[in-house]
Amino acid sequence: MSNTFEEALALLEQSVERLETGDLKLEEALSVFEKGVAASRSCNKWLEETRKRVQVLTTDEGGEFRLDFLDADADADE
């Protein structure tokens, strides 16, 4: 996994740009594609880890504030 989400995203964007040019030889295109797939997976891992950490401040019926996980309902259903 890349050191940061931003690094993984930049690598993914670079891979897409290089592939879109259509100027790569087959082996080079395959290598760029593989790096792009790895960067995409890295981005997905970063996003999943971040999603788990995100909390949303909500108000209950009594007007009190509480912290709930962003996907508390979805996680409870699983």
PDB file of N, CA and C in Angstrom:
ATOM      1  N   MET A   1       0.851  -1.177   0.000  1.00  0.00           N
ATOM      2  CA  MET A   1       0.000   0.000   0.000  1.00  0.00           C
ATOM      3  C   MET A   1       0.893   1.236   0.000  1.00  0.00           C
ATOM      4  N   SER A   2       0.498   2.258  -0.747  1.00  0.00           N
ATOM      5  CA  SER A   2       1.274   3.495  -0.813  1.00  0.00           C
ATOM      6  C   SER A   2       1.320   4.157   0.558  1.00  0.00           C
ATOM      7  N   ASN A   3       2.297   5.045   0.734  1.00  0.00           N
ATOM      8  CA  ASN A   3       2.436   5.734   2.014  1.00  0.00           C
ATOM      9  C   ASN A   3       1.228   6.585   2.345  1.00  0.00           C
ATOM     10  N   THR A   4       0.643   7.212   1.333  1.00  0.00           N
ATOM     11  CA  THR A   4      -0.531   8.047   1.565  1.00  0.00           C
ATOM     12  C   THR A   4      -1.555   7.800   0.469  1.00  0.00           C
ATOM     13  N   PHE A   5      -2.790   8.175   0.776  1.00  0.00           N
ATOM     14  CA  PHE A   5      -3.854   8.090  -0.217  1.00  0.00           C
ATOM     15  C   PHE A   5      -3.515   8.956  -1.422  1.00  0.00           C
ATOM     16  N   GLU A   6      -2.992  10.141  -1.158  1.00  0.00           N
ATOM     17  CA  GLU A   6      -2.673  11.077  -2.229  1.00  0.00           C
ATOM     18  C   GLU A   6      -1.625  10.509  -3.181  1.00  0.00           C
ATOM     19  N   GLU A   7      -0.621   9.800  -2.632  1.00  0.00           N
ATOM     20  CA  GLU A   7       0.399   9.180  -3.473  1.00  0.00           C
ATOM     21  C   GLU A   7      -0.205   8.085  -4.349  1.00  0.00           C
ATOM     22  N   ALA A   8      -1.065   7.271  -3.743  1.00  0.00           N
ATOM     23  CA  ALA A   8      -1.708   6.192  -4.498  1.00  0.00           C
ATOM     24  C   ALA A   8      -2.604   6.768  -5.592  1.00  0.00           C
ATOM     25  N   LEU A   9      -3.341   7.819  -5.271  1.00  0.00           N
ATOM     26  CA  LEU A   9      -4.227   8.453  -6.245  1.00  0.00           C
ATOM     27  C   LEU A   9      -3.419   9.075  -7.384  1.00  0.00           C
ATOM     28  N   ALA A  10      -2.310   9.718  -7.057  1.00  0.00           N
ATOM     29  CA  ALA A  10      -1.460  10.318  -8.093  1.00  0.00           C
ATOM     30  C   ALA A  10      -0.898   9.237  -9.012  1.00  0.00           C
ATOM     31  N   LEU A  11      -0.478   8.117  -8.453  1.00  0.00           N
ATOM     32  CA  LEU A  11       0.031   7.015  -9.262  1.00  0.00           C
ATOM     33  C   LEU A  11      -1.062   6.459 -10.168  1.00  0.00           C
ATOM     34  N   LEU A  12      -2.266   6.331  -9.640  1.00  0.00           N
ATOM     35  CA  LEU A  12      -3.394   5.855 -10.438  1.00  0.00           C
ATOM     36  C   LEU A  12      -3.685   6.826 -11.584  1.00  0.00           C
ATOM     37  N   GLU A  13      -3.711   8.114 -11.281  1.00  0.00           N
ATOM     38  CA  GLU A  13      -3.965   9.122 -12.322  1.00  0.00           C
ATOM     39  C   GLU A  13      -2.884   9.103 -13.399  1.00  0.00           C
ATOM     40  N   GLN A  14      -1.624   8.958 -12.989  1.00  0.00           N
ATOM     41  CA  GLN A  14      -0.520   8.886 -13.953  1.00  0.00           C
ATOM     42  C   GLN A  14      -0.652   7.661 -14.849  1.00  0.00           C
ATOM     43  N   SER A  15      -1.037   6.551 -14.249  1.00  0.00           N
ATOM     44  CA  SER A  15      -1.210   5.318 -15.019  1.00  0.00           C
ATOM     45  C   SER A  15      -2.302   5.487 -16.060  1.00  0.00           C
ATOM     46  N   VAL A  16      -3.410   6.070 -15.659  1.00  0.00           N
ATOM     47  CA  VAL A  16      -4.528   6.285 -16.585  1.00  0.00           C
ATOM     48  C   VAL A  16      -4.100   7.206 -17.724  1.00  0.00           C
ATOM     49  N   GLU A  17      -3.411   8.299 -17.383  1.00  0.00           N
ATOM     50  CA  GLU A  17      -2.959   9.239 -18.415  1.00  0.00           C
ATOM     51  C   GLU A  17      -2.035   8.555 -19.418  1.00  0.00           C
ATOM     52  N   ARG A  18      -1.103   7.736 -18.912  1.00  0.00           N
ATOM     53  CA  ARG A  18      -0.163   7.056 -19.816  1.00  0.00           C
ATOM     54  C   ARG A  18      -0.889   6.059 -20.709  1.00  0.00           C
ATOM     55  N   LEU A  19      -1.853   5.349 -20.142  1.00  0.00           N
ATOM     56  CA  LEU A  19      -2.595   4.368 -20.934  1.00  0.00           C
ATOM     57  C   LEU A  19      -3.479   5.046 -21.981  1.00  0.00           C
ATOM     58  N   GLU A  20      -4.013   6.212 -21.653  1.00  0.00           N
ATOM     59  CA  GLU A  20      -4.890   6.926 -22.585  1.00  0.00           C
ATOM     60  C   GLU A  20      -4.149   7.454 -23.807  1.00  0.00           C
ATOM     61  N   THR A  21      -2.841   7.629 -23.703  1.00  0.00           N
ATOM     62  CA  THR A  21      -2.099   8.144 -24.844  1.00  0.00           C
ATOM     63  C   THR A  21      -2.076   7.139 -25.982  1.00  0.00           C
ATOM     64  N   GLY A  22      -2.103   5.846 -25.638  1.00  0.00           N
ATOM     65  CA  GLY A  22      -2.066   4.805 -26.654  1.00  0.00           C
ATOM     66  C   GLY A  22      -0.714   4.642 -27.311  1.00  0.00           C
ATOM     67  N   ASP A  23       0.318   5.304 -26.780  1.00  0.00           N
ATOM     68  CA  ASP A  23       1.657   5.267 -27.374  1.00  0.00           C
ATOM     69  C   ASP A  23       2.563   4.208 -26.773  1.00  0.00           C
ATOM     70  N   LEU A  24       2.047   3.390 -25.864  1.00  0.00           N
ATOM     71  CA  LEU A  24       2.886   2.411 -25.175  1.00  0.00           C
ATOM     72  C   LEU A  24       2.917   1.086 -25.931  1.00  0.00           C
ATOM     73  N   LYS A  25       4.055   0.439 -25.851  1.00  0.00           N
ATOM     74  CA  LYS A  25       4.151  -0.915 -26.389  1.00  0.00           C
ATOM     75  C   LYS A  25       3.396  -1.833 -25.443  1.00  0.00           C
ATOM     76  N   LEU A  26       3.042  -3.008 -25.917  1.00  0.00           N
ATOM     77  CA  LEU A  26       2.200  -3.929 -25.158  1.00  0.00           C
ATOM     78  C   LEU A  26       2.755  -4.223 -23.769  1.00  0.00           C
ATOM     79  N   GLU A  27       4.020  -4.592 -23.677  1.00  0.00           N
ATOM     80  CA  GLU A  27       4.612  -4.931 -22.378  1.00  0.00           C
ATOM     81  C   GLU A  27       4.608  -3.739 -21.427  1.00  0.00           C
ATOM     82  N   GLU A  28       4.926  -2.566 -21.966  1.00  0.00           N
ATOM     83  CA  GLU A  28       4.941  -1.359 -21.142  1.00  0.00           C
ATOM     84  C   GLU A  28       3.522  -1.014 -20.694  1.00  0.00           C
ATOM     85  N   ALA A  29       2.555  -1.158 -21.583  1.00  0.00           N
ATOM     86  CA  ALA A  29       1.161  -0.882 -21.239  1.00  0.00           C
ATOM     87  C   ALA A  29       0.683  -1.836 -20.148  1.00  0.00           C
ATOM     88  N   LEU A  30       1.079  -3.090 -20.245  1.00  0.00           N
ATOM     89  CA  LEU A  30       0.693  -4.069 -19.235  1.00  0.00           C
ATOM     90  C   LEU A  30       1.294  -3.713 -17.883  1.00  0.00           C
ATOM     91  N   SER A  31       2.542  -3.296 -17.874  1.00  0.00           N
ATOM     92  CA  SER A  31       3.206  -2.890 -16.635  1.00  0.00           C
ATOM     93  C   SER A  31       2.515  -1.679 -16.013  1.00  0.00           C
ATOM     94  N   VAL A  32       2.196  -0.686 -16.834  1.00  0.00           N
ATOM     95  CA  VAL A  32       1.507   0.517 -16.347  1.00  0.00           C
ATOM     96  C   VAL A  32       0.129   0.139 -15.812  1.00  0.00           C
ATOM     97  N   PHE A  33      -0.559  -0.747 -16.526  1.00  0.00           N
ATOM     98  CA  PHE A  33      -1.879  -1.196 -16.089  1.00  0.00           C
ATOM     99  C   PHE A  33      -1.798  -1.885 -14.728  1.00  0.00           C
ATOM    100  N   GLU A  34      -0.815  -2.767 -14.554  1.00  0.00           N
ATOM    101  CA  GLU A  34      -0.645  -3.465 -13.278  1.00  0.00           C
ATOM    102  C   GLU A  34      -0.382  -2.493 -12.138  1.00  0.00           C
ATOM    103  N   LYS A  35       0.446  -1.475 -12.394  1.00  0.00           N
ATOM    104  CA  LYS A  35       0.713  -0.463 -11.373  1.00  0.00           C
ATOM    105  C   LYS A  35      -0.552   0.323 -11.053  1.00  0.00           C
ATOM    106  N   GLY A  36      -1.352   0.596 -12.071  1.00  0.00           N
ATOM    107  CA  GLY A  36      -2.614   1.312 -11.862  1.00  0.00           C
ATOM    108  C   GLY A  36      -3.591   0.504 -11.033  1.00  0.00           C
ATOM    109  N   VAL A  37      -3.667  -0.795 -11.306  1.00  0.00           N
ATOM    110  CA  VAL A  37      -4.551  -1.668 -10.528  1.00  0.00           C
ATOM    111  C   VAL A  37      -4.096  -1.709  -9.068  1.00  0.00           C
ATOM    112  N   ALA A  38      -2.800  -1.823  -8.850  1.00  0.00           N
ATOM    113  CA  ALA A  38      -2.275  -1.833  -7.483  1.00  0.00           C
ATOM    114  C   ALA A  38      -2.582  -0.512  -6.777  1.00  0.00           C
ATOM    115  N   ALA A  39      -2.431   0.597  -7.490  1.00  0.00           N
ATOM    116  CA  ALA A  39      -2.725   1.905  -6.906  1.00  0.00           C
ATOM    117  C   ALA A  39      -4.214   2.031  -6.597  1.00  0.00           C
ATOM    118  N   SER A  40      -5.060   1.506  -7.476  1.00  0.00           N
ATOM    119  CA  SER A  40      -6.506   1.534  -7.243  1.00  0.00           C
ATOM    120  C   SER A  40      -6.867   0.746  -5.993  1.00  0.00           C
ATOM    121  N   ARG A  41      -6.274  -0.421  -5.839  1.00  0.00           N
ATOM    122  CA  ARG A  41      -6.527  -1.227  -4.641  1.00  0.00           C
ATOM    123  C   ARG A  41      -6.037  -0.519  -3.389  1.00  0.00           C
ATOM    124  N   SER A  42      -4.913   0.145  -3.509  1.00  0.00           N
ATOM    125  CA  SER A  42      -4.377   0.907  -2.382  1.00  0.00           C
ATOM    126  C   SER A  42      -5.335   2.030  -1.996  1.00  0.00           C
ATOM    127  N   CYS A  43      -5.852   2.731  -2.994  1.00  0.00           N
ATOM    128  CA  CYS A  43      -6.831   3.797  -2.725  1.00  0.00           C
ATOM    129  C   CYS A  43      -8.060   3.233  -2.027  1.00  0.00           C
ATOM    130  N   ASN A  44      -8.544   2.099  -2.502  1.00  0.00           N
ATOM    131  CA  ASN A  44      -9.717   1.483  -1.886  1.00  0.00           C
ATOM    132  C   ASN A  44      -9.455   1.114  -0.431  1.00  0.00           C
ATOM    133  N   LYS A  45      -8.261   0.600  -0.132  1.00  0.00           N
ATOM    134  CA  LYS A  45      -7.919   0.259   1.252  1.00  0.00           C
ATOM    135  C   LYS A  45      -7.891   1.500   2.128  1.00  0.00           C
ATOM    136  N   TRP A  46      -7.261   2.567   1.611  1.00  0.00           N
ATOM    137  CA  TRP A  46      -7.217   3.821   2.363  1.00  0.00           C
ATOM    138  C   TRP A  46      -8.617   4.343   2.640  1.00  0.00           C
ATOM    139  N   LEU A  47      -9.477   4.308   1.626  1.00  0.00           N
ATOM    140  CA  LEU A  47     -10.839   4.799   1.797  1.00  0.00           C
ATOM    141  C   LEU A  47     -11.618   3.950   2.790  1.00  0.00           C
ATOM    142  N   GLU A  48     -11.442   2.647   2.736  1.00  0.00           N
ATOM    143  CA  GLU A  48     -12.138   1.753   3.664  1.00  0.00           C
ATOM    144  C   GLU A  48     -11.667   1.999   5.099  1.00  0.00           C
ATOM    145  N   GLU A  49     -10.365   2.132   5.293  1.00  0.00           N
ATOM    146  CA  GLU A  49      -9.844   2.414   6.629  1.00  0.00           C
ATOM    147  C   GLU A  49     -10.348   3.752   7.145  1.00  0.00           C
ATOM    148  N   THR A  50     -10.401   4.736   6.272  1.00  0.00           N
ATOM    149  CA  THR A  50     -10.873   6.060   6.658  1.00  0.00           C
ATOM    150  C   THR A  50     -12.356   6.031   6.995  1.00  0.00           C
ATOM    151  N   ARG A  51     -13.142   5.300   6.181  1.00  0.00           N
ATOM    152  CA  ARG A  51     -14.577   5.198   6.426  1.00  0.00           C
ATOM    153  C   ARG A  51     -14.846   4.624   7.819  1.00  0.00           C
ATOM    154  N   LYS A  52     -14.056   3.658   8.213  1.00  0.00           N
ATOM    155  CA  LYS A  52     -14.238   3.034   9.518  1.00  0.00           C
ATOM    156  C   LYS A  52     -13.959   4.007  10.656  1.00  0.00           C
ATOM    157  N   ARG A  53     -13.112   4.993  10.389  1.00  0.00           N
ATOM    158  CA  ARG A  53     -12.727   5.943  11.440  1.00  0.00           C
ATOM    159  C   ARG A  53     -13.626   7.174  11.521  1.00  0.00           C
ATOM    160  N   VAL A  54     -14.357   7.413  10.454  1.00  0.00           N
ATOM    161  CA  VAL A  54     -15.170   8.628  10.410  1.00  0.00           C
ATOM    162  C   VAL A  54     -16.351   8.506  11.365  1.00  0.00           C
ATOM    163  N   GLN A  55     -16.565   9.539  12.095  1.00  0.00           N
ATOM    164  CA  GLN A  55     -17.726   9.593  12.966  1.00  0.00           C
ATOM    165  C   GLN A  55     -18.512  10.853  12.644  1.00  0.00           C
ATOM    166  N   VAL A  56     -19.806  10.761  12.854  1.00  0.00           N
ATOM    167  CA  VAL A  56     -20.660  11.897  12.559  1.00  0.00           C
ATOM    168  C   VAL A  56     -21.317  12.351  13.853  1.00  0.00           C
ATOM    169  N   LEU A  57     -21.315  13.628  14.087  1.00  0.00           N
ATOM    170  CA  LEU A  57     -21.963  14.197  15.258  1.00  0.00           C
ATOM    171  C   LEU A  57     -23.445  14.342  14.965  1.00  0.00           C
ATOM    172  N   THR A  58     -24.292  13.737  15.778  1.00  0.00           N
ATOM    173  CA  THR A  58     -25.734  13.797  15.571  1.00  0.00           C
ATOM    174  C   THR A  58     -26.432  14.243  16.845  1.00  0.00           C
ATOM    175  N   THR A  59     -27.677  14.595  16.729  1.00  0.00           N
ATOM    176  CA  THR A  59     -28.476  15.007  17.873  1.00  0.00           C
ATOM    177  C   THR A  59     -29.560  13.973  18.108  1.00  0.00           C
ATOM    178  N   ASP A  60     -29.724  13.554  19.371  1.00  0.00           N
ATOM    179  CA  ASP A  60     -30.796  12.610  19.668  1.00  0.00           C
ATOM    180  C   ASP A  60     -32.095  13.364  19.933  1.00  0.00           C
ATOM    181  N   GLU A  61     -33.153  12.634  20.241  1.00  0.00           N
ATOM    182  CA  GLU A  61     -34.469  13.246  20.420  1.00  0.00           C
ATOM    183  C   GLU A  61     -34.500  14.246  21.566  1.00  0.00           C
ATOM    184  N   GLY A  62     -33.655  14.082  22.566  1.00  0.00           N
ATOM    185  CA  GLY A  62     -33.621  14.990  23.719  1.00  0.00           C
ATOM    186  C   GLY A  62     -32.761  16.219  23.482  1.00  0.00           C
ATOM    187  N   GLY A  63     -32.217  16.366  22.273  1.00  0.00           N
ATOM    188  CA  GLY A  63     -31.387  17.516  21.969  1.00  0.00           C
ATOM    189  C   GLY A  63     -29.934  17.346  22.367  1.00  0.00           C
ATOM    190  N   GLU A  64     -29.596  16.181  22.876  1.00  0.00           N
ATOM    191  CA  GLU A  64     -28.219  15.901  23.272  1.00  0.00           C
ATOM    192  C   GLU A  64     -27.407  15.454  22.060  1.00  0.00           C
ATOM    193  N   PHE A  65     -26.149  15.825  22.073  1.00  0.00           N
ATOM    194  CA  PHE A  65     -25.262  15.400  20.988  1.00  0.00           C
ATOM    195  C   PHE A  65     -24.654  14.049  21.325  1.00  0.00           C
ATOM    196  N   ARG A  66     -24.446  13.237  20.295  1.00  0.00           N
ATOM    197  CA  ARG A  66     -23.765  11.959  20.462  1.00  0.00           C
ATOM    198  C   ARG A  66     -22.957  11.686  19.203  1.00  0.00           C
ATOM    199  N   LEU A  67     -21.979  10.833  19.330  1.00  0.00           N
ATOM    200  CA  LEU A  67     -21.171  10.446  18.183  1.00  0.00           C
ATOM    201  C   LEU A  67     -21.614   9.075  17.705  1.00  0.00           C
ATOM    202  N   ASP A  68     -21.883   8.965  16.413  1.00  0.00           N
ATOM    203  CA  ASP A  68     -22.235   7.693  15.800  1.00  0.00           C
ATOM    204  C   ASP A  68     -21.260   7.424  14.671  1.00  0.00           C
ATOM    205  N   PHE A  69     -20.963   6.161  14.442  1.00  0.00           N
ATOM    206  CA  PHE A  69     -20.169   5.825  13.273  1.00  0.00           C
ATOM    207  C   PHE A  69     -20.974   6.158  12.033  1.00  0.00           C
ATOM    208  N   LEU A  70     -20.308   6.589  10.986  1.00  0.00           N
ATOM    209  CA  LEU A  70     -20.962   7.002   9.750  1.00  0.00           C
ATOM    210  C   LEU A  70     -21.881   5.921   9.222  1.00  0.00           C
ATOM    211  N   ASP A  71     -21.446   4.670   9.198  1.00  0.00           N
ATOM    212  CA  ASP A  71     -22.234   3.561   8.669  1.00  0.00           C
ATOM    213  C   ASP A  71     -22.758   2.666   9.786  1.00  0.00           C
ATOM    214  N   ALA A  72     -23.147   3.227  10.915  1.00  0.00           N
ATOM    215  CA  ALA A  72     -23.599   2.420  12.032  1.00  0.00           C
ATOM    216  C   ALA A  72     -24.754   1.520  11.658  1.00  0.00           C
ATOM    217  N   ASP A  73     -25.720   2.030  10.901  1.00  0.00           N
ATOM    218  CA  ASP A  73     -26.868   1.217  10.494  1.00  0.00           C
ATOM    219  C   ASP A  73     -26.442   0.103   9.546  1.00  0.00           C
ATOM    220  N   ALA A  74     -25.573   0.413   8.599  1.00  0.00           N
ATOM    221  CA  ALA A  74     -25.112  -0.583   7.632  1.00  0.00           C
ATOM    222  C   ALA A  74     -24.300  -1.664   8.328  1.00  0.00           C
ATOM    223  N   ASP A  75     -23.434  -1.277   9.276  1.00  0.00           N
ATOM    224  CA  ASP A  75     -22.611  -2.255   9.981  1.00  0.00           C
ATOM    225  C   ASP A  75     -23.456  -3.148  10.869  1.00  0.00           C
ATOM    226  N   ALA A  76     -24.529  -2.608  11.438  1.00  0.00           N
ATOM    227  CA  ALA A  76     -25.399  -3.393  12.308  1.00  0.00           C
ATOM    228  C   ALA A  76     -26.152  -4.450  11.516  1.00  0.00           C
ATOM    229  N   ASP A  77     -26.453  -4.162  10.230  1.00  0.00           N
ATOM    230  CA  ASP A  77     -27.185  -5.083   9.402  1.00  0.00           C
ATOM    231  C   ASP A  77     -26.337  -6.266   8.953  1.00  0.00           C
ATOM    232  N   GLU A  78     -24.999  -6.082   8.936  1.00  0.00           N
ATOM    233  CA  GLU A  78     -24.103  -7.134   8.414  1.00  0.00           C
ATOM    234  C   GLU A  78     -23.888  -8.225   9.400  1.00  0.00           C
TER     235      GLU A  78
END
